[in-house]
């Protein structure tokens, strides 16, 4: 991995909930050593307000968070990405763009909070998604394998198994 911070791209179809949570958590927990990014194959017009409210309640910055297309990261001069993590099953099954630099790829499936039902159920689902992502991302940013791409693939899969959704 390069000497710059490790760049982690989280993908979800709408880029409005899980991937937004993951982007903000990664940048927050990575403390400048690991930076989070997010995108979607069919991004919504804006992040889900419940996702933003949850992040803010946890003291995590939300300024600048917005839904964006994954095409932004597939361009030749795009931000270099070291790790690509899909967080929804739909995005994992889609044909993703070719990412410059051949990043490590893994799937960390998490149920979609907005699909949980009424507002109360959605709040519970957002909390669950946040807690799972926080546990997984904490393990990732503290992993000694984060700078070793060969070992990283196995480590990322093990993290998902250790912190089930």
C-alpha atoms as a PDB file:
ATOM      1  CA  UNK A   1       0.000   0.000   0.000  1.00  0.00           C
ATOM      2  CA  UNK A   2       1.146   3.572  -0.630  1.00  0.00           C
ATOM      3  CA  UNK A   3       2.627   5.933   1.970  1.00  0.00           C
ATOM      4  CA  UNK A   4      -0.466   8.153   1.828  1.00  0.00           C
ATOM      5  CA  UNK A   5      -3.530   7.272   3.934  1.00  0.00           C
ATOM      6  CA  UNK A   6      -5.292   4.032   2.981  1.00  0.00           C
ATOM      7  CA  UNK A   7      -8.423   4.823   0.934  1.00  0.00           C
ATOM      8  CA  UNK A   8     -11.484   2.615   1.487  1.00  0.00           C
ATOM      9  CA  UNK A   9     -14.473   2.872  -0.882  1.00  0.00           C
ATOM     10  CA  UNK A  10     -17.828   1.577   0.384  1.00  0.00           C
ATOM     11  CA  UNK A  11     -20.418   0.701  -2.246  1.00  0.00           C
ATOM     12  CA  UNK A  12     -24.175   0.408  -2.000  1.00  0.00           C
ATOM     13  CA  UNK A  13     -26.787   0.822  -4.700  1.00  0.00           C
ATOM     14  CA  UNK A  14     -28.298   4.109  -3.441  1.00  0.00           C
ATOM     15  CA  UNK A  15     -25.303   5.479  -1.498  1.00  0.00           C
ATOM     16  CA  UNK A  16     -27.654   7.007   1.047  1.00  0.00           C
ATOM     17  CA  UNK A  17     -27.494   4.896   4.214  1.00  0.00           C
ATOM     18  CA  UNK A  18     -25.019   2.058   4.896  1.00  0.00           C
ATOM     19  CA  UNK A  19     -22.239   3.309   2.639  1.00  0.00           C
ATOM     20  CA  UNK A  20     -22.624   6.867   3.991  1.00  0.00           C
ATOM     21  CA  UNK A  21     -22.362   5.539   7.569  1.00  0.00           C
ATOM     22  CA  UNK A  22     -19.274   3.535   6.587  1.00  0.00           C
ATOM     23  CA  UNK A  23     -17.593   6.471   4.833  1.00  0.00           C
ATOM     24  CA  UNK A  24     -18.001   8.762   7.838  1.00  0.00           C
ATOM     25  CA  UNK A  25     -17.051   6.086  10.381  1.00  0.00           C
ATOM     26  CA  UNK A  26     -13.902   5.139   8.472  1.00  0.00           C
ATOM     27  CA  UNK A  27     -12.659   8.697   8.218  1.00  0.00           C
ATOM     28  CA  UNK A  28     -13.520   9.302  11.889  1.00  0.00           C
ATOM     29  CA  UNK A  29     -11.946   6.109  13.226  1.00  0.00           C
ATOM     30  CA  UNK A  30      -9.050   6.152  10.747  1.00  0.00           C
ATOM     31  CA  UNK A  31      -7.685   9.361  12.300  1.00  0.00           C
ATOM     32  CA  UNK A  32      -5.970  10.456   9.091  1.00  0.00           C
ATOM     33  CA  UNK A  33      -4.354   7.053   8.526  1.00  0.00           C
ATOM     34  CA  UNK A  34      -7.407   5.557   6.797  1.00  0.00           C
ATOM     35  CA  UNK A  35      -9.950   7.600   4.812  1.00  0.00           C
ATOM     36  CA  UNK A  36     -13.463   6.526   3.871  1.00  0.00           C
ATOM     37  CA  UNK A  37     -15.276   7.189   0.614  1.00  0.00           C
ATOM     38  CA  UNK A  38     -18.649   5.969  -0.623  1.00  0.00           C
ATOM     39  CA  UNK A  39     -20.581   5.676  -3.859  1.00  0.00           C
ATOM     40  CA  UNK A  40     -23.468   3.854  -5.464  1.00  0.00           C
ATOM     41  CA  UNK A  41     -24.505   2.351  -8.771  1.00  0.00           C
ATOM     42  CA  UNK A  42     -27.772   4.337  -8.707  1.00  0.00           C
ATOM     43  CA  UNK A  43     -27.232   7.053  -6.093  1.00  0.00           C
ATOM     44  CA  UNK A  44     -30.194   8.691  -4.383  1.00  0.00           C
ATOM     45  CA  UNK A  45     -30.492  12.488  -4.544  1.00  0.00           C
ATOM     46  CA  UNK A  46     -29.146  12.834  -0.986  1.00  0.00           C
ATOM     47  CA  UNK A  47     -28.101  10.824   2.074  1.00  0.00           C
ATOM     48  CA  UNK A  48     -30.852   9.422   4.263  1.00  0.00           C
ATOM     49  CA  UNK A  49     -31.648  11.947   7.043  1.00  0.00           C
ATOM     50  CA  UNK A  50     -31.672   9.136   9.650  1.00  0.00           C
ATOM     51  CA  UNK A  51     -28.107   8.186   8.678  1.00  0.00           C
ATOM     52  CA  UNK A  52     -26.931  11.773   9.059  1.00  0.00           C
ATOM     53  CA  UNK A  53     -28.799  12.243  12.354  1.00  0.00           C
ATOM     54  CA  UNK A  54     -27.265   9.061  13.797  1.00  0.00           C
ATOM     55  CA  UNK A  55     -23.747  10.104  12.804  1.00  0.00           C
ATOM     56  CA  UNK A  56     -24.259  13.559  14.301  1.00  0.00           C
ATOM     57  CA  UNK A  57     -25.603  12.047  17.539  1.00  0.00           C
ATOM     58  CA  UNK A  58     -22.373  10.037  17.761  1.00  0.00           C
ATOM     59  CA  UNK A  59     -20.225  13.139  17.256  1.00  0.00           C
ATOM     60  CA  UNK A  60     -19.130  12.181  13.747  1.00  0.00           C
ATOM     61  CA  UNK A  61     -18.799  14.903  11.124  1.00  0.00           C
ATOM     62  CA  UNK A  62     -21.328  14.841   8.300  1.00  0.00           C
ATOM     63  CA  UNK A  63     -20.258  17.962   6.387  1.00  0.00           C
ATOM     64  CA  UNK A  64     -19.606  17.124   2.767  1.00  0.00           C
ATOM     65  CA  UNK A  65     -21.334  13.738   2.825  1.00  0.00           C
ATOM     66  CA  UNK A  66     -23.377  13.296  -0.324  1.00  0.00           C
ATOM     67  CA  UNK A  67     -24.595  10.511  -2.572  1.00  0.00           C
ATOM     68  CA  UNK A  68     -22.442  10.006  -5.664  1.00  0.00           C
ATOM     69  CA  UNK A  69     -22.015   7.597  -8.543  1.00  0.00           C
ATOM     70  CA  UNK A  70     -19.344   4.941  -8.386  1.00  0.00           C
ATOM     71  CA  UNK A  71     -18.249   6.110 -11.846  1.00  0.00           C
ATOM     72  CA  UNK A  72     -16.504   8.994 -10.076  1.00  0.00           C
ATOM     73  CA  UNK A  73     -13.953   6.541  -8.667  1.00  0.00           C
ATOM     74  CA  UNK A  74     -13.445   4.551 -11.873  1.00  0.00           C
ATOM     75  CA  UNK A  75     -11.929   7.408 -13.872  1.00  0.00           C
ATOM     76  CA  UNK A  76      -8.198   7.226 -14.703  1.00  0.00           C
ATOM     77  CA  UNK A  77      -7.320  10.260 -12.532  1.00  0.00           C
ATOM     78  CA  UNK A  78      -9.793   9.547  -9.718  1.00  0.00           C
ATOM     79  CA  UNK A  79      -8.870   9.331  -6.066  1.00  0.00           C
ATOM     80  CA  UNK A  80      -6.826   6.120  -5.797  1.00  0.00           C
ATOM     81  CA  UNK A  81      -8.705   3.400  -3.932  1.00  0.00           C
ATOM     82  CA  UNK A  82      -6.945   0.636  -1.986  1.00  0.00           C
ATOM     83  CA  UNK A  83      -9.944  -1.314  -0.662  1.00  0.00           C
ATOM     84  CA  UNK A  84     -13.465  -1.648  -2.103  1.00  0.00           C
ATOM     85  CA  UNK A  85     -16.150  -2.962   0.252  1.00  0.00           C
ATOM     86  CA  UNK A  86     -19.730  -3.594  -0.865  1.00  0.00           C
ATOM     87  CA  UNK A  87     -22.194  -3.265   2.003  1.00  0.00           C
ATOM     88  CA  UNK A  88     -25.389  -4.282   0.235  1.00  0.00           C
ATOM     89  CA  UNK A  89     -26.134  -7.528  -1.524  1.00  0.00           C
ATOM     90  CA  UNK A  90     -27.514  -5.770  -4.612  1.00  0.00           C
ATOM     91  CA  UNK A  91     -24.288  -3.831  -5.202  1.00  0.00           C
ATOM     92  CA  UNK A  92     -22.238  -6.965  -4.577  1.00  0.00           C
ATOM     93  CA  UNK A  93     -24.120  -8.700  -7.382  1.00  0.00           C
ATOM     94  CA  UNK A  94     -23.748  -5.868  -9.877  1.00  0.00           C
ATOM     95  CA  UNK A  95     -20.987  -5.598 -12.426  1.00  0.00           C
ATOM     96  CA  UNK A  96     -18.731  -2.975 -10.895  1.00  0.00           C
ATOM     97  CA  UNK A  97     -16.482  -0.683 -12.883  1.00  0.00           C
ATOM     98  CA  UNK A  98     -12.823  -1.550 -13.204  1.00  0.00           C
ATOM     99  CA  UNK A  99     -11.100   0.306 -10.391  1.00  0.00           C
ATOM    100  CA  UNK A 100      -7.714   1.861 -11.180  1.00  0.00           C
ATOM    101  CA  UNK A 101      -4.888   0.285  -9.191  1.00  0.00           C
ATOM    102  CA  UNK A 102      -6.539  -3.109  -8.585  1.00  0.00           C
ATOM    103  CA  UNK A 103      -7.833  -2.549  -5.032  1.00  0.00           C
ATOM    104  CA  UNK A 104      -8.583  -5.398  -2.622  1.00  0.00           C
ATOM    105  CA  UNK A 105     -12.332  -6.211  -2.792  1.00  0.00           C
ATOM    106  CA  UNK A 106     -14.653  -7.780  -0.237  1.00  0.00           C
ATOM    107  CA  UNK A 107     -18.383  -7.936   0.589  1.00  0.00           C
ATOM    108  CA  UNK A 108     -19.630  -6.912   4.043  1.00  0.00           C
ATOM    109  CA  UNK A 109     -23.386  -7.394   3.674  1.00  0.00           C
ATOM    110  CA  UNK A 110     -25.604  -5.450   6.070  1.00  0.00           C
ATOM    111  CA  UNK A 111     -29.428  -5.270   5.961  1.00  0.00           C
ATOM    112  CA  UNK A 112     -30.841  -2.054   4.472  1.00  0.00           C
ATOM    113  CA  UNK A 113     -32.166   0.168   7.309  1.00  0.00           C
ATOM    114  CA  UNK A 114     -34.724   2.098   5.211  1.00  0.00           C
ATOM    115  CA  UNK A 115     -36.286  -1.241   4.196  1.00  0.00           C
ATOM    116  CA  UNK A 116     -36.890  -2.233   7.833  1.00  0.00           C
ATOM    117  CA  UNK A 117     -40.479  -0.963   7.963  1.00  0.00           C
ATOM    118  CA  UNK A 118     -41.924   1.971   9.880  1.00  0.00           C
ATOM    119  CA  UNK A 119     -39.852   4.795  11.363  1.00  0.00           C
ATOM    120  CA  UNK A 120     -39.249   3.016  14.680  1.00  0.00           C
ATOM    121  CA  UNK A 121     -38.052  -0.142  12.924  1.00  0.00           C
ATOM    122  CA  UNK A 122     -35.816   1.932  10.688  1.00  0.00           C
ATOM    123  CA  UNK A 123     -34.218   3.631  13.696  1.00  0.00           C
ATOM    124  CA  UNK A 124     -33.450   0.232  15.224  1.00  0.00           C
ATOM    125  CA  UNK A 125     -32.055  -0.989  11.888  1.00  0.00           C
ATOM    126  CA  UNK A 126     -29.876   2.121  11.494  1.00  0.00           C
ATOM    127  CA  UNK A 127     -28.477   1.597  15.002  1.00  0.00           C
ATOM    128  CA  UNK A 128     -27.746  -2.047  14.188  1.00  0.00           C
ATOM    129  CA  UNK A 129     -26.038  -1.150  10.889  1.00  0.00           C
ATOM    130  CA  UNK A 130     -24.010   1.546  12.643  1.00  0.00           C
ATOM    131  CA  UNK A 131     -22.907  -0.817  15.423  1.00  0.00           C
ATOM    132  CA  UNK A 132     -21.892  -3.578  12.983  1.00  0.00           C
ATOM    133  CA  UNK A 133     -20.025  -1.141  10.748  1.00  0.00           C
ATOM    134  CA  UNK A 134     -18.287   0.460  13.725  1.00  0.00           C
ATOM    135  CA  UNK A 135     -17.071  -2.935  14.966  1.00  0.00           C
ATOM    136  CA  UNK A 136     -15.874  -3.983  11.508  1.00  0.00           C
ATOM    137  CA  UNK A 137     -14.228  -0.656  10.674  1.00  0.00           C
ATOM    138  CA  UNK A 138     -12.540  -0.483  14.080  1.00  0.00           C
ATOM    139  CA  UNK A 139     -11.042  -3.914  13.394  1.00  0.00           C
ATOM    140  CA  UNK A 140      -9.991  -2.804   9.907  1.00  0.00           C
ATOM    141  CA  UNK A 141      -8.254   0.430  10.920  1.00  0.00           C
ATOM    142  CA  UNK A 142      -6.377  -1.379  13.698  1.00  0.00           C
ATOM    143  CA  UNK A 143      -5.410  -4.386  11.569  1.00  0.00           C
ATOM    144  CA  UNK A 144      -1.685  -4.807  11.007  1.00  0.00           C
ATOM    145  CA  UNK A 145      -2.620  -6.279   7.606  1.00  0.00           C
ATOM    146  CA  UNK A 146      -4.073  -2.987   6.321  1.00  0.00           C
ATOM    147  CA  UNK A 147      -0.761  -2.241   4.593  1.00  0.00           C
ATOM    148  CA  UNK A 148      -0.286  -5.795   3.254  1.00  0.00           C
ATOM    149  CA  UNK A 149      -2.691  -6.419   0.340  1.00  0.00           C
ATOM    150  CA  UNK A 150      -2.030 -10.155   0.163  1.00  0.00           C
ATOM    151  CA  UNK A 151      -3.038 -10.747   3.782  1.00  0.00           C
ATOM    152  CA  UNK A 152      -5.711  -8.065   3.735  1.00  0.00           C
ATOM    153  CA  UNK A 153      -8.263 -10.006   1.667  1.00  0.00           C
ATOM    154  CA  UNK A 154      -8.368 -12.803   4.253  1.00  0.00           C
ATOM    155  CA  UNK A 155      -8.435 -10.294   7.122  1.00  0.00           C
ATOM    156  CA  UNK A 156     -11.392  -8.385   5.636  1.00  0.00           C
ATOM    157  CA  UNK A 157     -13.394 -11.598   5.256  1.00  0.00           C
ATOM    158  CA  UNK A 158     -12.522 -12.638   8.817  1.00  0.00           C
ATOM    159  CA  UNK A 159     -13.664  -9.236  10.144  1.00  0.00           C
ATOM    160  CA  UNK A 160     -17.083  -9.696   8.531  1.00  0.00           C
ATOM    161  CA  UNK A 161     -17.427 -13.162  10.060  1.00  0.00           C
ATOM    162  CA  UNK A 162     -16.337 -11.929  13.494  1.00  0.00           C
ATOM    163  CA  UNK A 163     -18.953  -9.145  13.440  1.00  0.00           C
ATOM    164  CA  UNK A 164     -22.059 -10.585  11.738  1.00  0.00           C
ATOM    165  CA  UNK A 165     -24.845  -8.334  10.531  1.00  0.00           C
END
